[in-house]
Amino acid sequence: MAAGLELAKACALAADENKAENIRVLDLTGVSPITDFIVVCSGTSMPHLKAIMRDIGINVNEQLKEQPHSSDGNPNARWVVLDYVNVMVHVMLEDMRELYALEDLWGAAKEVDWAS
């Protein structure tokens, strides 16, 4: 199993390759009992959400041999989640992202520089 940080960065990079917007990785270690890292990014349309989600799954599996434990949501709902257990990936349309403000919810988390 890939380490959480490595997996979170791989998810963020895969989202970036598919032109996801405003990608953020938050370290929830010691902050949340649910997961160690969350990746939050925005898509511009429902087909874009599907493509981001699909490509994260493909790229992460190719690079790290990891598959999501589950996925939830439907691109028609404007928010999808990939659950890698120690990393949760949220791909949202911007209006849903503003409404639910996950980054504010986890304000105590440290932001990770995923691009380096």
PDB file of N, CA and C in Angstrom:
ATOM      1  N   MET A   1       0.845  -1.180   0.000  1.00  0.00           N
ATOM      2  CA  MET A   1       0.000   0.000   0.000  1.00  0.00           C
ATOM      3  C   MET A   1       0.891   1.245   0.000  1.00  0.00           C
ATOM      4  N   ALA A   2       0.571   2.177  -0.877  1.00  0.00           N
ATOM      5  CA  ALA A   2       1.342   3.419  -0.960  1.00  0.00           C
ATOM      6  C   ALA A   2       1.118   4.259   0.289  1.00  0.00           C
ATOM      7  N   ALA A   3       2.134   4.993   0.675  1.00  0.00           N
ATOM      8  CA  ALA A   3       2.004   5.912   1.802  1.00  0.00           C
ATOM      9  C   ALA A   3       0.988   6.992   1.445  1.00  0.00           C
ATOM     10  N   GLY A   4       0.285   7.494   2.446  1.00  0.00           N
ATOM     11  CA  GLY A   4      -0.764   8.482   2.211  1.00  0.00           C
ATOM     12  C   GLY A   4      -0.314   9.704   1.444  1.00  0.00           C
ATOM     13  N   LEU A   5       0.827  10.266   1.828  1.00  0.00           N
ATOM     14  CA  LEU A   5       1.311  11.472   1.158  1.00  0.00           C
ATOM     15  C   LEU A   5       1.624  11.198  -0.305  1.00  0.00           C
ATOM     16  N   GLU A   6       2.288  10.094  -0.578  1.00  0.00           N
ATOM     17  CA  GLU A   6       2.617   9.721  -1.956  1.00  0.00           C
ATOM     18  C   GLU A   6       1.340   9.529  -2.786  1.00  0.00           C
ATOM     19  N   LEU A   7       0.366   8.884  -2.208  1.00  0.00           N
ATOM     20  CA  LEU A   7      -0.901   8.642  -2.888  1.00  0.00           C
ATOM     21  C   LEU A   7      -1.658   9.947  -3.131  1.00  0.00           C
ATOM     22  N   ALA A   8      -1.678  10.815  -2.129  1.00  0.00           N
ATOM     23  CA  ALA A   8      -2.368  12.103  -2.275  1.00  0.00           C
ATOM     24  C   ALA A   8      -1.739  12.941  -3.386  1.00  0.00           C
ATOM     25  N   LYS A   9      -0.413  12.966  -3.414  1.00  0.00           N
ATOM     26  CA  LYS A   9       0.273  13.721  -4.467  1.00  0.00           C
ATOM     27  C   LYS A   9       0.005  13.120  -5.838  1.00  0.00           C
ATOM     28  N   ALA A  10      -0.012  11.790  -5.946  1.00  0.00           N
ATOM     29  CA  ALA A  10      -0.293  11.139  -7.227  1.00  0.00           C
ATOM     30  C   ALA A  10      -1.703  11.471  -7.704  1.00  0.00           C
ATOM     31  N   CYS A  11      -2.659  11.513  -6.785  1.00  0.00           N
ATOM     32  CA  CYS A  11      -4.038  11.878  -7.143  1.00  0.00           C
ATOM     33  C   CYS A  11      -4.104  13.321  -7.636  1.00  0.00           C
ATOM     34  N   ALA A  12      -3.423  14.213  -6.934  1.00  0.00           N
ATOM     35  CA  ALA A  12      -3.422  15.632  -7.331  1.00  0.00           C
ATOM     36  C   ALA A  12      -2.768  15.813  -8.697  1.00  0.00           C
ATOM     37  N   LEU A  13      -1.652  15.141  -8.927  1.00  0.00           N
ATOM     38  CA  LEU A  13      -0.967  15.255 -10.214  1.00  0.00           C
ATOM     39  C   LEU A  13      -1.829  14.706 -11.345  1.00  0.00           C
ATOM     40  N   ALA A  14      -2.535  13.602 -11.099  1.00  0.00           N
ATOM     41  CA  ALA A  14      -3.427  13.036 -12.118  1.00  0.00           C
ATOM     42  C   ALA A  14      -4.577  14.000 -12.414  1.00  0.00           C
ATOM     43  N   ALA A  15      -5.099  14.646 -11.388  1.00  0.00           N
ATOM     44  CA  ALA A  15      -6.158  15.641 -11.605  1.00  0.00           C
ATOM     45  C   ALA A  15      -5.626  16.815 -12.415  1.00  0.00           C
ATOM     46  N   ASP A  16      -4.404  17.225 -12.105  1.00  0.00           N
ATOM     47  CA  ASP A  16      -3.779  18.344 -12.820  1.00  0.00           C
ATOM     48  C   ASP A  16      -3.590  18.012 -14.297  1.00  0.00           C
ATOM     49  N   GLU A  17      -3.214  16.786 -14.591  1.00  0.00           N
ATOM     50  CA  GLU A  17      -3.028  16.370 -15.984  1.00  0.00           C
ATOM     51  C   GLU A  17      -4.330  16.467 -16.773  1.00  0.00           C
ATOM     52  N   ASN A  18      -5.442  16.370 -16.068  1.00  0.00           N
ATOM     53  CA  ASN A  18      -6.738  16.456 -16.728  1.00  0.00           C
ATOM     54  C   ASN A  18      -7.356  17.848 -16.586  1.00  0.00           C
ATOM     55  N   LYS A  19      -6.512  18.830 -16.283  1.00  0.00           N
ATOM     56  CA  LYS A  19      -6.935  20.234 -16.215  1.00  0.00           C
ATOM     57  C   LYS A  19      -7.956  20.528 -15.110  1.00  0.00           C
ATOM     58  N   ALA A  20      -7.908  19.761 -14.013  1.00  0.00           N
ATOM     59  CA  ALA A  20      -8.727  20.104 -12.852  1.00  0.00           C
ATOM     60  C   ALA A  20      -8.257  21.457 -12.335  1.00  0.00           C
ATOM     61  N   GLU A  21      -9.153  22.186 -11.725  1.00  0.00           N
ATOM     62  CA  GLU A  21      -8.842  23.539 -11.255  1.00  0.00           C
ATOM     63  C   GLU A  21      -8.739  23.582  -9.735  1.00  0.00           C
ATOM     64  N   ASN A  22      -7.964  24.541  -9.246  1.00  0.00           N
ATOM     65  CA  ASN A  22      -7.855  24.838  -7.817  1.00  0.00           C
ATOM     66  C   ASN A  22      -7.638  23.567  -6.986  1.00  0.00           C
ATOM     67  N   ILE A  23      -6.601  22.834  -7.329  1.00  0.00           N
ATOM     68  CA  ILE A  23      -6.299  21.572  -6.652  1.00  0.00           C
ATOM     69  C   ILE A  23      -5.620  21.865  -5.320  1.00  0.00           C
ATOM     70  N   ARG A  24      -6.163  21.275  -4.265  1.00  0.00           N
ATOM     71  CA  ARG A  24      -5.569  21.430  -2.942  1.00  0.00           C
ATOM     72  C   ARG A  24      -5.473  20.072  -2.268  1.00  0.00           C
ATOM     73  N   VAL A  25      -4.371  19.868  -1.572  1.00  0.00           N
ATOM     74  CA  VAL A  25      -4.173  18.652  -0.788  1.00  0.00           C
ATOM     75  C   VAL A  25      -4.016  19.085   0.663  1.00  0.00           C
ATOM     76  N   LEU A  26      -4.837  18.494   1.537  1.00  0.00           N
ATOM     77  CA  LEU A  26      -4.792  18.831   2.953  1.00  0.00           C
ATOM     78  C   LEU A  26      -4.383  17.604   3.763  1.00  0.00           C
ATOM     79  N   ASP A  27      -3.452  17.814   4.685  1.00  0.00           N
ATOM     80  CA  ASP A  27      -2.978  16.762   5.580  1.00  0.00           C
ATOM     81  C   ASP A  27      -3.876  16.757   6.817  1.00  0.00           C
ATOM     82  N   LEU A  28      -4.672  15.712   6.968  1.00  0.00           N
ATOM     83  CA  LEU A  28      -5.598  15.602   8.091  1.00  0.00           C
ATOM     84  C   LEU A  28      -5.081  14.676   9.184  1.00  0.00           C
ATOM     85  N   THR A  29      -3.805  14.292   9.088  1.00  0.00           N
ATOM     86  CA  THR A  29      -3.225  13.416  10.094  1.00  0.00           C
ATOM     87  C   THR A  29      -3.376  14.059  11.473  1.00  0.00           C
ATOM     88  N   GLY A  30      -3.995  13.346  12.384  1.00  0.00           N
ATOM     89  CA  GLY A  30      -4.210  13.867  13.733  1.00  0.00           C
ATOM     90  C   GLY A  30      -5.369  14.837  13.833  1.00  0.00           C
ATOM     91  N   VAL A  31      -6.001  15.179  12.708  1.00  0.00           N
ATOM     92  CA  VAL A  31      -7.130  16.106  12.706  1.00  0.00           C
ATOM     93  C   VAL A  31      -8.442  15.355  12.499  1.00  0.00           C
ATOM     94  N   SER A  32      -8.397  14.321  11.676  1.00  0.00           N
ATOM     95  CA  SER A  32      -9.595  13.566  11.329  1.00  0.00           C
ATOM     96  C   SER A  32      -9.388  12.076  11.593  1.00  0.00           C
ATOM     97  N   PRO A  33     -10.388  11.413  12.181  1.00  0.00           N
ATOM     98  CA  PRO A  33     -10.295   9.964  12.344  1.00  0.00           C
ATOM     99  C   PRO A  33     -10.692   9.209  11.065  1.00  0.00           C
ATOM    100  N   ILE A  34     -11.146   9.926  10.055  1.00  0.00           N
ATOM    101  CA  ILE A  34     -11.688   9.310   8.850  1.00  0.00           C
ATOM    102  C   ILE A  34     -10.616   8.991   7.820  1.00  0.00           C
ATOM    103  N   THR A  35      -9.703   9.915   7.601  1.00  0.00           N
ATOM    104  CA  THR A  35      -8.677   9.752   6.567  1.00  0.00           C
ATOM    105  C   THR A  35      -7.461  10.592   6.925  1.00  0.00           C
ATOM    106  N   ASP A  36      -6.347  10.342   6.251  1.00  0.00           N
ATOM    107  CA  ASP A  36      -5.122  11.097   6.518  1.00  0.00           C
ATOM    108  C   ASP A  36      -4.966  12.314   5.615  1.00  0.00           C
ATOM    109  N   PHE A  37      -5.464  12.221   4.383  1.00  0.00           N
ATOM    110  CA  PHE A  37      -5.331  13.310   3.416  1.00  0.00           C
ATOM    111  C   PHE A  37      -6.612  13.451   2.623  1.00  0.00           C
ATOM    112  N   ILE A  38      -6.934  14.699   2.243  1.00  0.00           N
ATOM    113  CA  ILE A  38      -7.984  14.904   1.254  1.00  0.00           C
ATOM    114  C   ILE A  38      -7.405  15.710   0.107  1.00  0.00           C
ATOM    115  N   VAL A  39      -7.869  15.369  -1.069  1.00  0.00           N
ATOM    116  CA  VAL A  39      -7.554  16.114  -2.280  1.00  0.00           C
ATOM    117  C   VAL A  39      -8.873  16.701  -2.732  1.00  0.00           C
ATOM    118  N   VAL A  40      -8.894  18.010  -2.938  1.00  0.00           N
ATOM    119  CA  VAL A  40     -10.101  18.686  -3.403  1.00  0.00           C
ATOM    120  C   VAL A  40      -9.752  19.424  -4.681  1.00  0.00           C
ATOM    121  N   CYS A  41     -10.580  19.235  -5.700  1.00  0.00           N
ATOM    122  CA  CYS A  41     -10.351  19.945  -6.950  1.00  0.00           C
ATOM    123  C   CYS A  41     -11.682  20.223  -7.626  1.00  0.00           C
ATOM    124  N   SER A  42     -11.653  21.110  -8.592  1.00  0.00           N
ATOM    125  CA  SER A  42     -12.866  21.498  -9.305  1.00  0.00           C
ATOM    126  C   SER A  42     -12.796  21.089 -10.761  1.00  0.00           C
ATOM    127  N   GLY A  43     -13.938  20.727 -11.289  1.00  0.00           N
ATOM    128  CA  GLY A  43     -14.101  20.483 -12.707  1.00  0.00           C
ATOM    129  C   GLY A  43     -15.029  21.551 -13.275  1.00  0.00           C
ATOM    130  N   THR A  44     -15.031  21.689 -14.570  1.00  0.00           N
ATOM    131  CA  THR A  44     -15.797  22.764 -15.202  1.00  0.00           C
ATOM    132  C   THR A  44     -17.151  22.319 -15.735  1.00  0.00           C
ATOM    133  N   SER A  45     -17.379  21.003 -15.792  1.00  0.00           N
ATOM    134  CA  SER A  45     -18.648  20.482 -16.308  1.00  0.00           C
ATOM    135  C   SER A  45     -18.796  19.048 -15.816  1.00  0.00           C
ATOM    136  N   MET A  46     -19.974  18.490 -16.008  1.00  0.00           N
ATOM    137  CA  MET A  46     -20.173  17.107 -15.588  1.00  0.00           C
ATOM    138  C   MET A  46     -19.285  16.136 -16.370  1.00  0.00           C
ATOM    139  N   PRO A  47     -19.126  16.292 -17.692  1.00  0.00           N
ATOM    140  CA  PRO A  47     -18.179  15.409 -18.387  1.00  0.00           C
ATOM    141  C   PRO A  47     -16.740  15.573 -17.881  1.00  0.00           C
ATOM    142  N   HIS A  48     -16.371  16.786 -17.490  1.00  0.00           N
ATOM    143  CA  HIS A  48     -15.035  17.024 -16.954  1.00  0.00           C
ATOM    144  C   HIS A  48     -14.856  16.279 -15.622  1.00  0.00           C
ATOM    145  N   LEU A  49     -15.890  16.297 -14.758  1.00  0.00           N
ATOM    146  CA  LEU A  49     -15.816  15.551 -13.493  1.00  0.00           C
ATOM    147  C   LEU A  49     -15.575  14.073 -13.761  1.00  0.00           C
ATOM    148  N   LYS A  50     -16.326  13.515 -14.715  1.00  0.00           N
ATOM    149  CA  LYS A  50     -16.164  12.098 -15.067  1.00  0.00           C
ATOM    150  C   LYS A  50     -14.747  11.811 -15.541  1.00  0.00           C
ATOM    151  N   ALA A  51     -14.220  12.689 -16.387  1.00  0.00           N
ATOM    152  CA  ALA A  51     -12.874  12.486 -16.938  1.00  0.00           C
ATOM    153  C   ALA A  51     -11.809  12.575 -15.843  1.00  0.00           C
ATOM    154  N   ILE A  52     -11.948  13.537 -14.946  1.00  0.00           N
ATOM    155  CA  ILE A  52     -10.983  13.674 -13.846  1.00  0.00           C
ATOM    156  C   ILE A  52     -11.007  12.424 -12.983  1.00  0.00           C
ATOM    157  N   MET A  53     -12.192  11.991 -12.608  1.00  0.00           N
ATOM    158  CA  MET A  53     -12.340  10.818 -11.759  1.00  0.00           C
ATOM    159  C   MET A  53     -11.768   9.574 -12.446  1.00  0.00           C
ATOM    160  N   ARG A  54     -12.092   9.395 -13.707  1.00  0.00           N
ATOM    161  CA  ARG A  54     -11.603   8.237 -14.463  1.00  0.00           C
ATOM    162  C   ARG A  54     -10.078   8.245 -14.533  1.00  0.00           C
ATOM    163  N   ASP A  55      -9.506   9.398 -14.871  1.00  0.00           N
ATOM    164  CA  ASP A  55      -8.063   9.469 -15.068  1.00  0.00           C
ATOM    165  C   ASP A  55      -7.279   9.366 -13.768  1.00  0.00           C
ATOM    166  N   ILE A  56      -7.833   9.856 -12.675  1.00  0.00           N
ATOM    167  CA  ILE A  56      -7.167   9.649 -11.383  1.00  0.00           C
ATOM    168  C   ILE A  56      -7.093   8.150 -11.118  1.00  0.00           C
ATOM    169  N   GLY A  57      -8.203   7.453 -11.296  1.00  0.00           N
ATOM    170  CA  GLY A  57      -8.220   6.008 -11.076  1.00  0.00           C
ATOM    171  C   GLY A  57      -7.213   5.276 -11.941  1.00  0.00           C
ATOM    172  N   ILE A  58      -7.163   5.621 -13.219  1.00  0.00           N
ATOM    173  CA  ILE A  58      -6.240   4.960 -14.150  1.00  0.00           C
ATOM    174  C   ILE A  58      -4.791   5.273 -13.810  1.00  0.00           C
ATOM    175  N   ASN A  59      -4.475   6.556 -13.651  1.00  0.00           N
ATOM    176  CA  ASN A  59      -3.082   6.958 -13.417  1.00  0.00           C
ATOM    177  C   ASN A  59      -2.536   6.429 -12.097  1.00  0.00           C
ATOM    178  N   VAL A  60      -3.328   6.512 -11.051  1.00  0.00           N
ATOM    179  CA  VAL A  60      -2.868   6.047  -9.741  1.00  0.00           C
ATOM    180  C   VAL A  60      -2.682   4.529  -9.760  1.00  0.00           C
ATOM    181  N   ASN A  61      -3.560   3.827 -10.435  1.00  0.00           N
ATOM    182  CA  ASN A  61      -3.401   2.377 -10.544  1.00  0.00           C
ATOM    183  C   ASN A  61      -2.133   2.022 -11.322  1.00  0.00           C
ATOM    184  N   GLU A  62      -1.871   2.744 -12.413  1.00  0.00           N
ATOM    185  CA  GLU A  62      -0.665   2.479 -13.198  1.00  0.00           C
ATOM    186  C   GLU A  62       0.610   2.788 -12.412  1.00  0.00           C
ATOM    187  N   GLN A  63       0.614   3.912 -11.694  1.00  0.00           N
ATOM    188  CA  GLN A  63       1.823   4.346 -10.988  1.00  0.00           C
ATOM    189  C   GLN A  63       2.061   3.603  -9.679  1.00  0.00           C
ATOM    190  N   LEU A  64       1.007   3.455  -8.890  1.00  0.00           N
ATOM    191  CA  LEU A  64       1.170   2.943  -7.523  1.00  0.00           C
ATOM    192  C   LEU A  64       0.464   1.611  -7.271  1.00  0.00           C
ATOM    193  N   LYS A  65      -0.203   1.095  -8.295  1.00  0.00           N
ATOM    194  CA  LYS A  65      -0.968  -0.156  -8.143  1.00  0.00           C
ATOM    195  C   LYS A  65      -2.018  -0.043  -7.045  1.00  0.00           C
ATOM    196  N   GLU A  66      -2.623   1.135  -6.950  1.00  0.00           N
ATOM    197  CA  GLU A  66      -3.678   1.390  -5.967  1.00  0.00           C
ATOM    198  C   GLU A  66      -4.984   1.637  -6.700  1.00  0.00           C
ATOM    199  N   GLN A  67      -6.053   1.084  -6.165  1.00  0.00           N
ATOM    200  CA  GLN A  67      -7.382   1.348  -6.695  1.00  0.00           C
ATOM    201  C   GLN A  67      -8.241   1.897  -5.572  1.00  0.00           C
ATOM    202  N   PRO A  68      -9.195   2.745  -5.906  1.00  0.00           N
ATOM    203  CA  PRO A  68     -10.064   3.249  -4.837  1.00  0.00           C
ATOM    204  C   PRO A  68     -10.826   2.105  -4.182  1.00  0.00           C
ATOM    205  N   HIS A  69     -10.965   2.221  -2.886  1.00  0.00           N
ATOM    206  CA  HIS A  69     -11.741   1.244  -2.139  1.00  0.00           C
ATOM    207  C   HIS A  69     -13.205   1.340  -2.570  1.00  0.00           C
ATOM    208  N   SER A  70     -13.636   2.565  -2.820  1.00  0.00           N
ATOM    209  CA  SER A  70     -14.988   2.815  -3.307  1.00  0.00           C
ATOM    210  C   SER A  70     -15.029   4.186  -3.946  1.00  0.00           C
ATOM    211  N   SER A  71     -16.103   4.436  -4.637  1.00  0.00           N
ATOM    212  CA  SER A  71     -16.353   5.777  -5.160  1.00  0.00           C
ATOM    213  C   SER A  71     -17.803   6.094  -4.860  1.00  0.00           C
ATOM    214  N   ASP A  72     -18.073   7.348  -4.703  1.00  0.00           N
ATOM    215  CA  ASP A  72     -19.425   7.748  -4.329  1.00  0.00           C
ATOM    216  C   ASP A  72     -19.798   8.996  -5.098  1.00  0.00           C
ATOM    217  N   GLY A  73     -21.067   9.159  -5.290  1.00  0.00           N
ATOM    218  CA  GLY A  73     -21.548  10.314  -6.014  1.00  0.00           C
ATOM    219  C   GLY A  73     -21.683   9.988  -7.480  1.00  0.00           C
ATOM    220  N   ASN A  74     -22.265  10.887  -8.136  1.00  0.00           N
ATOM    221  CA  ASN A  74     -22.527  10.740  -9.552  1.00  0.00           C
ATOM    222  C   ASN A  74     -22.180  12.074 -10.173  1.00  0.00           C
ATOM    223  N   PRO A  75     -21.502  12.080 -11.299  1.00  0.00           N
ATOM    224  CA  PRO A  75     -21.187  13.376 -11.906  1.00  0.00           C
ATOM    225  C   PRO A  75     -22.409  14.270 -12.089  1.00  0.00           C
ATOM    226  N   ASN A  76     -23.583  13.668 -12.251  1.00  0.00           N
ATOM    227  CA  ASN A  76     -24.803  14.475 -12.359  1.00  0.00           C
ATOM    228  C   ASN A  76     -25.134  15.185 -11.054  1.00  0.00           C
ATOM    229  N   ALA A  77     -24.595  14.694  -9.954  1.00  0.00           N
ATOM    230  CA  ALA A  77     -24.797  15.334  -8.650  1.00  0.00           C
ATOM    231  C   ALA A  77     -23.805  16.472  -8.434  1.00  0.00           C
ATOM    232  N   ARG A  78     -22.861  16.649  -9.344  1.00  0.00           N
ATOM    233  CA  ARG A  78     -21.883  17.733  -9.325  1.00  0.00           C
ATOM    234  C   ARG A  78     -20.802  17.573  -8.262  1.00  0.00           C
ATOM    235  N   TRP A  79     -20.685  16.337  -7.702  1.00  0.00           N
ATOM    236  CA  TRP A  79     -19.669  16.061  -6.688  1.00  0.00           C
ATOM    237  C   TRP A  79     -19.418  14.558  -6.670  1.00  0.00           C
ATOM    238  N   VAL A  80     -18.189  14.162  -6.870  1.00  0.00           N
ATOM    239  CA  VAL A  80     -17.828  12.743  -6.803  1.00  0.00           C
ATOM    240  C   VAL A  80     -16.660  12.571  -5.842  1.00  0.00           C
ATOM    241  N   VAL A  81     -16.595  11.405  -5.246  1.00  0.00           N
ATOM    242  CA  VAL A  81     -15.553  11.110  -4.259  1.00  0.00           C
ATOM    243  C   VAL A  81     -14.910   9.770  -4.593  1.00  0.00           C
ATOM    244  N   LEU A  82     -13.601   9.739  -4.568  1.00  0.00           N
ATOM    245  CA  LEU A  82     -12.844   8.493  -4.657  1.00  0.00           C
ATOM    246  C   LEU A  82     -12.255   8.241  -3.279  1.00  0.00           C
ATOM    247  N   ASP A  83     -12.503   7.063  -2.730  1.00  0.00           N
ATOM    248  CA  ASP A  83     -12.054   6.719  -1.385  1.00  0.00           C
ATOM    249  C   ASP A  83     -10.915   5.709  -1.464  1.00  0.00           C
ATOM    250  N   TYR A  84      -9.706   6.195  -1.192  1.00  0.00           N
ATOM    251  CA  TYR A  84      -8.536   5.320  -1.132  1.00  0.00           C
ATOM    252  C   TYR A  84      -8.204   4.969   0.322  1.00  0.00           C
ATOM    253  N   VAL A  85      -9.124   5.131   1.215  1.00  0.00           N
ATOM    254  CA  VAL A  85      -9.038   4.916   2.656  1.00  0.00           C
ATOM    255  C   VAL A  85      -8.181   5.986   3.319  1.00  0.00           C
ATOM    256  N   ASN A  86      -6.876   6.003   3.086  1.00  0.00           N
ATOM    257  CA  ASN A  86      -6.055   7.031   3.728  1.00  0.00           C
ATOM    258  C   ASN A  86      -6.010   8.328   2.918  1.00  0.00           C
ATOM    259  N   VAL A  87      -6.656   8.326   1.749  1.00  0.00           N
ATOM    260  CA  VAL A  87      -6.793   9.536   0.930  1.00  0.00           C
ATOM    261  C   VAL A  87      -8.209   9.567   0.360  1.00  0.00           C
ATOM    262  N   MET A  88      -8.880  10.689   0.537  1.00  0.00           N
ATOM    263  CA  MET A  88     -10.208  10.904  -0.050  1.00  0.00           C
ATOM    264  C   MET A  88     -10.062  11.996  -1.099  1.00  0.00           C
ATOM    265  N   VAL A  89     -10.539  11.715  -2.305  1.00  0.00           N
ATOM    266  CA  VAL A  89     -10.455  12.674  -3.403  1.00  0.00           C
ATOM    267  C   VAL A  89     -11.859  13.192  -3.699  1.00  0.00           C
ATOM    268  N   HIS A  90     -12.022  14.509  -3.603  1.00  0.00           N
ATOM    269  CA  HIS A  90     -13.302  15.157  -3.882  1.00  0.00           C
ATOM    270  C   HIS A  90     -13.157  15.963  -5.171  1.00  0.00           C
ATOM    271  N   VAL A  91     -13.970  15.625  -6.164  1.00  0.00           N
ATOM    272  CA  VAL A  91     -13.977  16.341  -7.439  1.00  0.00           C
ATOM    273  C   VAL A  91     -15.353  16.982  -7.556  1.00  0.00           C
ATOM    274  N   MET A  92     -15.380  18.319  -7.613  1.00  0.00           N
ATOM    275  CA  MET A  92     -16.644  19.036  -7.513  1.00  0.00           C
ATOM    276  C   MET A  92     -16.749  20.137  -8.565  1.00  0.00           C
ATOM    277  N   LEU A  93     -17.982  20.446  -8.931  1.00  0.00           N
ATOM    278  CA  LEU A  93     -18.191  21.672  -9.687  1.00  0.00           C
ATOM    279  C   LEU A  93     -18.023  22.827  -8.709  1.00  0.00           C
ATOM    280  N   GLU A  94     -17.630  23.972  -9.212  1.00  0.00           N
ATOM    281  CA  GLU A  94     -17.280  25.104  -8.351  1.00  0.00           C
ATOM    282  C   GLU A  94     -18.429  25.527  -7.435  1.00  0.00           C
ATOM    283  N   ASP A  95     -19.677  25.483  -7.912  1.00  0.00           N
ATOM    284  CA  ASP A  95     -20.793  25.908  -7.056  1.00  0.00           C
ATOM    285  C   ASP A  95     -20.947  24.981  -5.849  1.00  0.00           C
ATOM    286  N   MET A  96     -20.724  23.696  -6.033  1.00  0.00           N
ATOM    287  CA  MET A  96     -20.798  22.755  -4.917  1.00  0.00           C
ATOM    288  C   MET A  96     -19.616  22.961  -3.964  1.00  0.00           C
ATOM    289  N   ARG A  97     -18.484  23.251  -4.524  1.00  0.00           N
ATOM    290  CA  ARG A  97     -17.292  23.472  -3.702  1.00  0.00           C
ATOM    291  C   ARG A  97     -17.468  24.696  -2.815  1.00  0.00           C
ATOM    292  N   GLU A  98     -18.028  25.749  -3.378  1.00  0.00           N
ATOM    293  CA  GLU A  98     -18.285  26.951  -2.582  1.00  0.00           C
ATOM    294  C   GLU A  98     -19.339  26.680  -1.516  1.00  0.00           C
ATOM    295  N   LEU A  99     -20.376  25.931  -1.868  1.00  0.00           N
ATOM    296  CA  LEU A  99     -21.469  25.646  -0.938  1.00  0.00           C
ATOM    297  C   LEU A  99     -20.989  24.835   0.270  1.00  0.00           C
ATOM    298  N   TYR A 100     -20.203  23.787   0.025  1.00  0.00           N
ATOM    299  CA  TYR A 100     -19.788  22.894   1.109  1.00  0.00           C
ATOM    300  C   TYR A 100     -18.470  23.282   1.762  1.00  0.00           C
ATOM    301  N   ALA A 101     -17.660  24.077   1.111  1.00  0.00           N
ATOM    302  CA  ALA A 101     -16.443  24.653   1.698  1.00  0.00           C
ATOM    303  C   ALA A 101     -15.633  23.655   2.526  1.00  0.00           C
ATOM    304  N   LEU A 102     -15.251  22.540   1.897  1.00  0.00           N
ATOM    305  CA  LEU A 102     -14.503  21.513   2.622  1.00  0.00           C
ATOM    306  C   LEU A 102     -13.198  22.037   3.202  1.00  0.00           C
ATOM    307  N   GLU A 103     -12.541  22.919   2.469  1.00  0.00           N
ATOM    308  CA  GLU A 103     -11.268  23.446   2.974  1.00  0.00           C
ATOM    309  C   GLU A 103     -11.473  24.229   4.273  1.00  0.00           C
ATOM    310  N   ASP A 104     -12.602  24.911   4.402  1.00  0.00           N
ATOM    311  CA  ASP A 104     -12.896  25.631   5.635  1.00  0.00           C
ATOM    312  C   ASP A 104     -13.262  24.663   6.759  1.00  0.00           C
ATOM    313  N   LEU A 105     -13.966  23.596   6.395  1.00  0.00           N
ATOM    314  CA  LEU A 105     -14.357  22.590   7.377  1.00  0.00           C
ATOM    315  C   LEU A 105     -13.130  21.985   8.053  1.00  0.00           C
ATOM    316  N   TRP A 106     -12.070  21.795   7.282  1.00  0.00           N
ATOM    317  CA  TRP A 106     -10.829  21.225   7.791  1.00  0.00           C
ATOM    318  C   TRP A 106      -9.769  22.310   7.943  1.00  0.00           C
ATOM    319  N   GLY A 107     -10.154  23.433   8.525  1.00  0.00           N
ATOM    320  CA  GLY A 107      -9.258  24.573   8.678  1.00  0.00           C
ATOM    321  C   GLY A 107      -8.000  24.293   9.487  1.00  0.00           C
ATOM    322  N   ALA A 108      -8.040  23.275  10.358  1.00  0.00           N
ATOM    323  CA  ALA A 108      -6.867  22.947  11.179  1.00  0.00           C
ATOM    324  C   ALA A 108      -5.842  22.111  10.418  1.00  0.00           C
ATOM    325  N   ALA A 109      -6.197  21.678   9.226  1.00  0.00           N
ATOM    326  CA  ALA A 109      -5.293  20.836   8.433  1.00  0.00           C
ATOM    327  C   ALA A 109      -4.195  21.678   7.794  1.00  0.00           C
ATOM    328  N   LYS A 110      -3.053  21.033   7.578  1.00  0.00           N
ATOM    329  CA  LYS A 110      -1.945  21.700   6.893  1.00  0.00           C
ATOM    330  C   LYS A 110      -2.084  21.455   5.405  1.00  0.00           C
ATOM    331  N   GLU A 111      -1.793  22.478   4.610  1.00  0.00           N
ATOM    332  CA  GLU A 111      -1.823  22.297   3.149  1.00  0.00           C
ATOM    333  C   GLU A 111      -0.500  21.698   2.694  1.00  0.00           C
ATOM    334  N   VAL A 112      -0.594  20.779   1.752  1.00  0.00           N
ATOM    335  CA  VAL A 112       0.559  20.071   1.214  1.00  0.00           C
ATOM    336  C   VAL A 112       0.911  20.645  -0.163  1.00  0.00           C
ATOM    337  N   ASP A 113       2.204  20.874  -0.381  1.00  0.00           N
ATOM    338  CA  ASP A 113       2.670  21.287  -1.706  1.00  0.00           C
ATOM    339  C   ASP A 113       2.781  20.019  -2.557  1.00  0.00           C
ATOM    340  N   TRP A 114       1.746  19.736  -3.321  1.00  0.00           N
ATOM    341  CA  TRP A 114       1.671  18.489  -4.084  1.00  0.00           C
ATOM    342  C   TRP A 114       2.458  18.529  -5.403  1.00  0.00           C
ATOM    343  N   ALA A 115       2.779  19.712  -5.860  1.00  0.00           N
ATOM    344  CA  ALA A 115       3.448  19.841  -7.169  1.00  0.00           C
ATOM    345  C   ALA A 115       4.957  19.587  -7.099  1.00  0.00           C
ATOM    346  N   SER A 116       5.505  19.485  -5.897  1.00  0.00           N
ATOM    347  CA  SER A 116       6.966  19.287  -5.801  1.00  0.00           C
ATOM    348  C   SER A 116       7.322  17.871  -5.453  1.00  0.00           C
TER     349      SER A 116
END
